[in-house]
Amino acid sequence: MKCIAIDDEPLALRLLQDNISKVPYLELIAACRNAFDALKVLEEQNVDLIFIDIQMPGLTGLQFVSTLQTRPLVIFITAYKEFALEGYNLAVVDYLVKPVALDRFIIACNRAKELYELKLNKYAAVVKAEADYFFVNVDYSQLKIKFSDIIWIEGVRDYIKIHLTGNAQPVLVRSNLKSMEEQLPLKLFIRIHKSFMVAISSITAVRKSNVFLDNLELPIGETYRDAVEQLVKQTR
């Protein structure tokens, strides 16, 4: 996590820098003596976490944080307990009162890390839900494959073959069906066998123990029979 430290007191700023250096997942990109210098840093670089004092000349820590339109995670570090409520009203991660013990500092950092990872996971989920494609590693290149072009996927030992519309030969990728299944949206694809996954839109018929994709006939594995039957029932 990229962070900045803001404190107008030189000694307090050095102590804060020292504490940050002891937390392995933090990367200090700037140490600022006032909020105005910190604003310049935020304009030029991506910052995930801000450590900031409250009582500073010119622009207080509370004023600084309240003016940020895009707000990183914030941890207040101050000598004044009476500002705690205002700090929490700004939805900060934590409020530390000087002098700050290292173990208490690390607890605050861990909270920030949990929130940061939660935010990343939510963002990744949104991107994955909105995307209509993914990339696979083929011949030292990243090949873009659209979900709508996939007809079916075949697992062959340590490889998978992705059969695409308009391609005479399948795309061969070093991977497995389980990993591929995790990348594909369940509403568009269904696993029918330990070795086969098919695009639901490509299914032309289901008969007893087989799924048909035009002239291609693929077996339904016993483990996946209920899922296929459920799919058929949903469309009746």
C-alpha atoms as a PDB file:
ATOM      1  CA  MET A   1       0.000   0.000   0.000  1.00  0.00           C
ATOM      2  CA  LYS A   2       1.363   3.400  -0.989  1.00  0.00           C
ATOM      3  CA  CYS A   3       1.119   5.917   1.835  1.00  0.00           C
ATOM      4  CA  ILE A   4       2.070   9.461   2.825  1.00  0.00           C
ATOM      5  CA  ALA A   5       2.825  10.878   6.268  1.00  0.00           C
ATOM      6  CA  ILE A   6       1.781  14.434   7.212  1.00  0.00           C
ATOM      7  CA  ASP A   7       2.872  16.193  10.407  1.00  0.00           C
ATOM      8  CA  ASP A   8       4.204  19.715  10.991  1.00  0.00           C
ATOM      9  CA  GLU A   9       6.439  18.594  13.898  1.00  0.00           C
ATOM     10  CA  PRO A  10       9.792  17.248  12.590  1.00  0.00           C
ATOM     11  CA  LEU A  11      10.324  14.793  15.451  1.00  0.00           C
ATOM     12  CA  ALA A  12       6.775  13.420  15.204  1.00  0.00           C
ATOM     13  CA  LEU A  13       7.179  13.063  11.441  1.00  0.00           C
ATOM     14  CA  ARG A  14      10.428  11.117  11.842  1.00  0.00           C
ATOM     15  CA  LEU A  15       8.835   8.792  14.402  1.00  0.00           C
ATOM     16  CA  LEU A  16       5.923   8.214  12.048  1.00  0.00           C
ATOM     17  CA  GLN A  17       8.287   7.424   9.182  1.00  0.00           C
ATOM     18  CA  ASP A  18      10.151   4.975  11.405  1.00  0.00           C
ATOM     19  CA  ASN A  19       6.920   3.180  12.365  1.00  0.00           C
ATOM     20  CA  ILE A  20       5.838   2.976   8.730  1.00  0.00           C
ATOM     21  CA  SER A  21       9.194   1.425   7.784  1.00  0.00           C
ATOM     22  CA  LYS A  22       8.489  -1.438  10.201  1.00  0.00           C
ATOM     23  CA  VAL A  23       5.265  -2.455   8.413  1.00  0.00           C
ATOM     24  CA  PRO A  24       6.227  -4.631   5.409  1.00  0.00           C
ATOM     25  CA  TYR A  25       3.141  -3.960   3.268  1.00  0.00           C
ATOM     26  CA  LEU A  26       3.466  -0.153   3.483  1.00  0.00           C
ATOM     27  CA  GLU A  27       5.459   1.941   1.006  1.00  0.00           C
ATOM     28  CA  LEU A  28       6.073   5.519   2.116  1.00  0.00           C
ATOM     29  CA  ILE A  29       6.159   7.721  -0.987  1.00  0.00           C
ATOM     30  CA  ALA A  30       6.226  11.124   0.738  1.00  0.00           C
ATOM     31  CA  ALA A  31       6.647  12.762   4.159  1.00  0.00           C
ATOM     32  CA  CYS A  32       5.073  16.222   4.287  1.00  0.00           C
ATOM     33  CA  ARG A  33       5.284  19.056   6.823  1.00  0.00           C
ATOM     34  CA  ASN A  34       1.927  20.557   5.832  1.00  0.00           C
ATOM     35  CA  ALA A  35      -1.315  19.758   4.036  1.00  0.00           C
ATOM     36  CA  PHE A  36      -0.496  21.866   0.978  1.00  0.00           C
ATOM     37  CA  ASP A  37       2.596  19.798   0.161  1.00  0.00           C
ATOM     38  CA  ALA A  38       0.484  16.678   0.625  1.00  0.00           C
ATOM     39  CA  LEU A  39      -2.076  17.965  -1.886  1.00  0.00           C
ATOM     40  CA  LYS A  40       0.662  18.230  -4.509  1.00  0.00           C
ATOM     41  CA  VAL A  41       1.647  14.625  -3.859  1.00  0.00           C
ATOM     42  CA  LEU A  42      -1.965  13.455  -4.211  1.00  0.00           C
ATOM     43  CA  GLU A  43      -2.253  15.269  -7.541  1.00  0.00           C
ATOM     44  CA  GLU A  44       0.837  13.551  -8.918  1.00  0.00           C
ATOM     45  CA  GLN A  45       0.676  10.043  -7.445  1.00  0.00           C
ATOM     46  CA  ASN A  46      -1.793   7.346  -6.438  1.00  0.00           C
ATOM     47  CA  VAL A  47      -1.987   7.117  -2.656  1.00  0.00           C
ATOM     48  CA  ASP A  48      -3.785   4.335  -0.785  1.00  0.00           C
ATOM     49  CA  LEU A  49      -3.350   5.493   2.815  1.00  0.00           C
ATOM     50  CA  ILE A  50      -2.752   8.830   4.581  1.00  0.00           C
ATOM     51  CA  PHE A  51      -1.282   9.217   8.069  1.00  0.00           C
ATOM     52  CA  ILE A  52      -2.024  12.771   9.209  1.00  0.00           C
ATOM     53  CA  ASP A  53      -1.829  14.986  12.273  1.00  0.00           C
ATOM     54  CA  ILE A  54      -4.880  17.119  13.088  1.00  0.00           C
ATOM     55  CA  GLN A  55      -3.469  20.334  14.559  1.00  0.00           C
ATOM     56  CA  MET A  56      -1.413  21.898  11.763  1.00  0.00           C
ATOM     57  CA  PRO A  57      -1.014  25.539  10.701  1.00  0.00           C
ATOM     58  CA  GLY A  58      -2.823  26.819   7.627  1.00  0.00           C
ATOM     59  CA  LEU A  59      -5.019  23.797   7.002  1.00  0.00           C
ATOM     60  CA  THR A  60      -5.813  21.341   9.776  1.00  0.00           C
ATOM     61  CA  GLY A  61      -5.894  17.595   9.233  1.00  0.00           C
ATOM     62  CA  LEU A  62      -9.688  17.578   9.583  1.00  0.00           C
ATOM     63  CA  GLN A  63     -10.067  20.355   7.006  1.00  0.00           C
ATOM     64  CA  PHE A  64      -7.610  18.673   4.668  1.00  0.00           C
ATOM     65  CA  VAL A  65      -9.398  15.308   4.719  1.00  0.00           C
ATOM     66  CA  SER A  66     -12.853  16.876   4.347  1.00  0.00           C
ATOM     67  CA  THR A  67     -11.770  18.699   1.169  1.00  0.00           C
ATOM     68  CA  LEU A  68     -10.588  15.572  -0.655  1.00  0.00           C
ATOM     69  CA  GLN A  69     -12.979  14.548  -3.428  1.00  0.00           C
ATOM     70  CA  THR A  70     -11.276  11.204  -3.978  1.00  0.00           C
ATOM     71  CA  ARG A  71     -10.280  10.110  -0.512  1.00  0.00           C
ATOM     72  CA  PRO A  72      -7.680   7.452   0.276  1.00  0.00           C
ATOM     73  CA  LEU A  73      -7.879   5.578   3.555  1.00  0.00           C
ATOM     74  CA  VAL A  74      -7.003   7.867   6.478  1.00  0.00           C
ATOM     75  CA  ILE A  75      -5.458   7.312   9.912  1.00  0.00           C
ATOM     76  CA  PHE A  76      -5.348  10.343  12.209  1.00  0.00           C
ATOM     77  CA  ILE A  77      -2.407  10.629  14.607  1.00  0.00           C
ATOM     78  CA  THR A  78      -2.776  13.478  17.098  1.00  0.00           C
ATOM     79  CA  ALA A  79      -2.093  14.605  20.643  1.00  0.00           C
ATOM     80  CA  TYR A  80      -5.710  15.697  21.113  1.00  0.00           C
ATOM     81  CA  LYS A  81      -8.399  13.198  22.106  1.00  0.00           C
ATOM     82  CA  GLU A  82     -11.219  15.733  21.773  1.00  0.00           C
ATOM     83  CA  PHE A  83     -11.174  15.591  17.973  1.00  0.00           C
ATOM     84  CA  ALA A  84     -11.891  11.848  17.861  1.00  0.00           C
ATOM     85  CA  LEU A  85     -15.617  12.198  17.115  1.00  0.00           C
ATOM     86  CA  GLU A  86     -15.006  14.602  14.232  1.00  0.00           C
ATOM     87  CA  GLY A  87     -12.398  12.218  12.896  1.00  0.00           C
ATOM     88  CA  TYR A  88     -14.721   9.237  12.928  1.00  0.00           C
ATOM     89  CA  ASN A  89     -17.448  11.328  11.295  1.00  0.00           C
ATOM     90  CA  LEU A  90     -15.104  11.500   8.313  1.00  0.00           C
ATOM     91  CA  ALA A  91     -15.102   7.682   8.214  1.00  0.00           C
ATOM     92  CA  VAL A  92     -11.387   7.377   8.913  1.00  0.00           C
ATOM     93  CA  VAL A  93      -9.788   3.981   9.521  1.00  0.00           C
ATOM     94  CA  ASP A  94      -8.467   4.816  12.982  1.00  0.00           C
ATOM     95  CA  TYR A  95      -7.656   7.617  15.421  1.00  0.00           C
ATOM     96  CA  LEU A  96      -4.344   7.303  17.252  1.00  0.00           C
ATOM     97  CA  VAL A  97      -3.342   9.488  20.203  1.00  0.00           C
ATOM     98  CA  LYS A  98       0.329  10.400  20.639  1.00  0.00           C
ATOM     99  CA  PRO A  99       2.577   8.902  21.832  1.00  0.00           C
ATOM    100  CA  VAL A 100       1.590   5.881  19.763  1.00  0.00           C
ATOM    101  CA  ALA A 101       2.881   2.442  20.762  1.00  0.00           C
ATOM    102  CA  LEU A 102       4.146   0.370  17.841  1.00  0.00           C
ATOM    103  CA  ASP A 103       1.699  -2.491  18.493  1.00  0.00           C
ATOM    104  CA  ARG A 104      -1.242  -0.050  18.437  1.00  0.00           C
ATOM    105  CA  PHE A 105       0.126   1.485  15.241  1.00  0.00           C
ATOM    106  CA  ILE A 106       0.316  -1.936  13.577  1.00  0.00           C
ATOM    107  CA  ILE A 107      -3.280  -2.709  14.596  1.00  0.00           C
ATOM    108  CA  ALA A 108      -4.404   0.474  12.819  1.00  0.00           C
ATOM    109  CA  CYS A 109      -2.361  -0.451   9.749  1.00  0.00           C
ATOM    110  CA  ASN A 110      -3.875  -3.935   9.679  1.00  0.00           C
ATOM    111  CA  ARG A 111      -7.356  -2.406   9.696  1.00  0.00           C
ATOM    112  CA  ALA A 112      -6.375  -0.234   6.755  1.00  0.00           C
ATOM    113  CA  LYS A 113      -4.965  -3.241   4.913  1.00  0.00           C
ATOM    114  CA  GLU A 114      -8.198  -5.220   5.403  1.00  0.00           C
ATOM    115  CA  LEU A 115     -10.286  -2.326   4.042  1.00  0.00           C
ATOM    116  CA  TYR A 116      -7.876  -1.840   1.150  1.00  0.00           C
ATOM    117  CA  GLU A 117      -8.052  -5.508   0.145  1.00  0.00           C
ATOM    118  CA  LEU A 118     -11.839  -5.497   0.472  1.00  0.00           C
ATOM    119  CA  LYS A 119     -11.993  -2.486  -1.835  1.00  0.00           C
ATOM    120  CA  LEU A 120      -9.705  -4.193  -4.349  1.00  0.00           C
ATOM    121  CA  ASN A 121     -11.786  -7.374  -4.304  1.00  0.00           C
ATOM    122  CA  LYS A 122     -14.995  -5.431  -4.877  1.00  0.00           C
ATOM    123  CA  TYR A 123     -13.410  -3.551  -7.763  1.00  0.00           C
ATOM    124  CA  ALA A 124     -12.115  -6.774  -9.305  1.00  0.00           C
ATOM    125  CA  ALA A 125     -15.578  -8.337  -9.006  1.00  0.00           C
ATOM    126  CA  VAL A 126     -17.194  -5.358 -10.769  1.00  0.00           C
ATOM    127  CA  VAL A 127     -14.624  -5.414 -13.567  1.00  0.00           C
ATOM    128  CA  LYS A 128     -15.047  -9.148 -14.011  1.00  0.00           C
ATOM    129  CA  ALA A 129     -18.840  -8.835 -14.073  1.00  0.00           C
ATOM    130  CA  GLU A 130     -18.765  -6.065 -16.676  1.00  0.00           C
ATOM    131  CA  ALA A 131     -16.092  -7.505 -18.968  1.00  0.00           C
ATOM    132  CA  ASP A 132     -17.168  -9.597 -21.961  1.00  0.00           C
ATOM    133  CA  TYR A 133     -13.707 -11.064 -22.564  1.00  0.00           C
ATOM    134  CA  PHE A 134     -10.580 -12.411 -20.884  1.00  0.00           C
ATOM    135  CA  PHE A 135      -6.944 -12.975 -21.811  1.00  0.00           C
ATOM    136  CA  VAL A 136      -5.017 -16.238 -22.092  1.00  0.00           C
ATOM    137  CA  ASN A 137      -1.305 -16.851 -22.510  1.00  0.00           C
ATOM    138  CA  VAL A 138      -0.614 -18.277 -25.984  1.00  0.00           C
ATOM    139  CA  ASP A 139       2.851 -18.451 -27.574  1.00  0.00           C
ATOM    140  CA  TYR A 140       4.306 -15.847 -25.188  1.00  0.00           C
ATOM    141  CA  SER A 141       1.470 -13.436 -25.945  1.00  0.00           C
ATOM    142  CA  GLN A 142      -1.737 -12.490 -24.166  1.00  0.00           C
ATOM    143  CA  LEU A 143      -4.588 -13.442 -26.497  1.00  0.00           C
ATOM    144  CA  LYS A 144      -7.934 -11.732 -25.993  1.00  0.00           C
ATOM    145  CA  ILE A 145     -10.937 -14.073 -26.186  1.00  0.00           C
ATOM    146  CA  LYS A 146     -14.529 -12.858 -26.133  1.00  0.00           C
ATOM    147  CA  PHE A 147     -17.033 -14.957 -24.216  1.00  0.00           C
ATOM    148  CA  SER A 148     -19.427 -14.777 -27.158  1.00  0.00           C
ATOM    149  CA  ASP A 149     -16.884 -16.460 -29.465  1.00  0.00           C
ATOM    150  CA  ILE A 150     -16.456 -19.572 -27.307  1.00  0.00           C
ATOM    151  CA  ILE A 151     -18.367 -22.683 -28.415  1.00  0.00           C
ATOM    152  CA  TRP A 152     -16.886 -25.235 -26.054  1.00  0.00           C
ATOM    153  CA  ILE A 153     -13.759 -25.943 -24.033  1.00  0.00           C
ATOM    154  CA  GLU A 154     -11.976 -29.262 -23.715  1.00  0.00           C
ATOM    155  CA  GLY A 155      -9.587 -30.255 -20.936  1.00  0.00           C
ATOM    156  CA  VAL A 156      -6.629 -32.413 -22.025  1.00  0.00           C
ATOM    157  CA  ARG A 157      -4.268 -33.209 -19.146  1.00  0.00           C
ATOM    158  CA  ASP A 158      -2.368 -29.986 -18.366  1.00  0.00           C
ATOM    159  CA  TYR A 159      -3.893 -28.093 -21.285  1.00  0.00           C
ATOM    160  CA  ILE A 160      -7.246 -26.826 -22.432  1.00  0.00           C
ATOM    161  CA  LYS A 161      -8.522 -26.422 -25.982  1.00  0.00           C
ATOM    162  CA  ILE A 162     -10.811 -23.436 -26.520  1.00  0.00           C
ATOM    163  CA  HIS A 163     -12.985 -23.953 -29.592  1.00  0.00           C
ATOM    164  CA  LEU A 164     -14.025 -20.630 -31.091  1.00  0.00           C
ATOM    165  CA  THR A 165     -16.498 -19.478 -33.709  1.00  0.00           C
ATOM    166  CA  GLY A 166     -14.760 -19.005 -37.054  1.00  0.00           C
ATOM    167  CA  ASN A 167     -11.562 -20.782 -35.978  1.00  0.00           C
ATOM    168  CA  ALA A 168     -10.745 -24.098 -37.649  1.00  0.00           C
ATOM    169  CA  GLN A 169      -8.234 -24.953 -34.926  1.00  0.00           C
ATOM    170  CA  PRO A 170      -8.825 -24.552 -31.171  1.00  0.00           C
ATOM    171  CA  VAL A 171      -6.682 -22.260 -29.057  1.00  0.00           C
ATOM    172  CA  LEU A 172      -4.338 -24.371 -26.932  1.00  0.00           C
ATOM    173  CA  VAL A 173      -3.649 -22.996 -23.450  1.00  0.00           C
ATOM    174  CA  ARG A 174      -1.581 -24.441 -20.630  1.00  0.00           C
ATOM    175  CA  SER A 175      -4.196 -24.494 -17.886  1.00  0.00           C
ATOM    176  CA  ASN A 176      -7.013 -26.682 -16.570  1.00  0.00           C
ATOM    177  CA  LEU A 177     -10.791 -26.621 -16.694  1.00  0.00           C
ATOM    178  CA  LYS A 178     -11.146 -25.698 -13.029  1.00  0.00           C
ATOM    179  CA  SER A 179      -9.130 -22.493 -13.519  1.00  0.00           C
ATOM    180  CA  MET A 180     -11.043 -21.698 -16.695  1.00  0.00           C
ATOM    181  CA  GLU A 181     -14.364 -22.310 -14.975  1.00  0.00           C
ATOM    182  CA  GLU A 182     -13.476 -19.677 -12.377  1.00  0.00           C
ATOM    183  CA  GLN A 183     -12.874 -17.073 -15.097  1.00  0.00           C
ATOM    184  CA  LEU A 184     -16.078 -17.635 -17.064  1.00  0.00           C
ATOM    185  CA  PRO A 185     -19.507 -16.252 -16.082  1.00  0.00           C
ATOM    186  CA  LEU A 186     -21.777 -19.074 -14.888  1.00  0.00           C
ATOM    187  CA  LYS A 187     -24.782 -17.556 -16.632  1.00  0.00           C
ATOM    188  CA  LEU A 188     -23.077 -18.108 -20.014  1.00  0.00           C
ATOM    189  CA  PHE A 189     -21.267 -21.435 -19.555  1.00  0.00           C
ATOM    190  CA  ILE A 190     -21.911 -24.819 -18.004  1.00  0.00           C
ATOM    191  CA  ARG A 191     -19.603 -27.664 -17.058  1.00  0.00           C
ATOM    192  CA  ILE A 192     -21.061 -30.901 -18.434  1.00  0.00           C
ATOM    193  CA  HIS A 193     -18.175 -33.314 -17.897  1.00  0.00           C
ATOM    194  CA  LYS A 194     -14.819 -33.461 -16.128  1.00  0.00           C
ATOM    195  CA  SER A 195     -13.277 -32.746 -19.545  1.00  0.00           C
ATOM    196  CA  PHE A 196     -15.872 -30.458 -21.162  1.00  0.00           C
ATOM    197  CA  MET A 197     -17.404 -27.043 -20.623  1.00  0.00           C
ATOM    198  CA  VAL A 198     -19.799 -25.528 -23.156  1.00  0.00           C
ATOM    199  CA  ALA A 199     -21.343 -22.177 -23.979  1.00  0.00           C
ATOM    200  CA  ILE A 200     -25.026 -22.414 -23.101  1.00  0.00           C
ATOM    201  CA  SER A 201     -25.930 -20.448 -26.247  1.00  0.00           C
ATOM    202  CA  SER A 202     -24.210 -23.100 -28.397  1.00  0.00           C
ATOM    203  CA  ILE A 203     -26.329 -25.986 -27.084  1.00  0.00           C
ATOM    204  CA  THR A 204     -28.792 -27.130 -29.742  1.00  0.00           C
ATOM    205  CA  ALA A 205     -30.183 -30.182 -27.938  1.00  0.00           C
ATOM    206  CA  VAL A 206     -29.923 -32.287 -24.787  1.00  0.00           C
ATOM    207  CA  ARG A 207     -30.705 -35.971 -25.089  1.00  0.00           C
ATOM    208  CA  LYS A 208     -30.327 -38.480 -22.249  1.00  0.00           C
ATOM    209  CA  SER A 209     -26.590 -38.527 -21.561  1.00  0.00           C
ATOM    210  CA  ASN A 210     -25.435 -36.163 -24.286  1.00  0.00           C
ATOM    211  CA  VAL A 211     -25.314 -32.506 -25.176  1.00  0.00           C
ATOM    212  CA  PHE A 212     -25.400 -31.474 -28.838  1.00  0.00           C
ATOM    213  CA  LEU A 213     -23.675 -28.442 -30.327  1.00  0.00           C
ATOM    214  CA  ASP A 214     -24.966 -28.559 -33.920  1.00  0.00           C
ATOM    215  CA  ASN A 215     -23.294 -31.716 -35.309  1.00  0.00           C
ATOM    216  CA  LEU A 216     -21.035 -32.211 -32.298  1.00  0.00           C
ATOM    217  CA  GLU A 217     -22.096 -34.637 -29.576  1.00  0.00           C
ATOM    218  CA  LEU A 218     -20.519 -34.423 -26.110  1.00  0.00           C
ATOM    219  CA  PRO A 219     -21.159 -36.756 -23.153  1.00  0.00           C
ATOM    220  CA  ILE A 220     -22.648 -35.570 -19.869  1.00  0.00           C
ATOM    221  CA  GLY A 221     -20.656 -36.732 -16.847  1.00  0.00           C
ATOM    222  CA  GLU A 222     -22.607 -38.275 -13.987  1.00  0.00           C
ATOM    223  CA  THR A 223     -21.394 -35.557 -11.593  1.00  0.00           C
ATOM    224  CA  TYR A 224     -22.777 -32.824 -13.846  1.00  0.00           C
ATOM    225  CA  ARG A 225     -26.071 -34.445 -14.870  1.00  0.00           C
ATOM    226  CA  ASP A 226     -28.168 -32.550 -12.298  1.00  0.00           C
ATOM    227  CA  ALA A 227     -26.764 -29.197 -13.415  1.00  0.00           C
ATOM    228  CA  VAL A 228     -27.650 -29.923 -17.049  1.00  0.00           C
ATOM    229  CA  GLU A 229     -31.154 -31.079 -16.101  1.00  0.00           C
ATOM    230  CA  GLN A 230     -31.640 -27.943 -14.033  1.00  0.00           C
ATOM    231  CA  LEU A 231     -30.588 -25.810 -16.981  1.00  0.00           C
ATOM    232  CA  VAL A 232     -33.186 -27.487 -19.209  1.00  0.00           C
ATOM    233  CA  LYS A 233     -35.925 -27.054 -16.590  1.00  0.00           C
ATOM    234  CA  GLN A 234     -35.187 -23.321 -16.199  1.00  0.00           C
ATOM    235  CA  THR A 235     -35.995 -22.685 -19.852  1.00  0.00           C
ATOM    236  CA  ARG A 236     -39.232 -24.609 -20.029  1.00  0.00           C
END
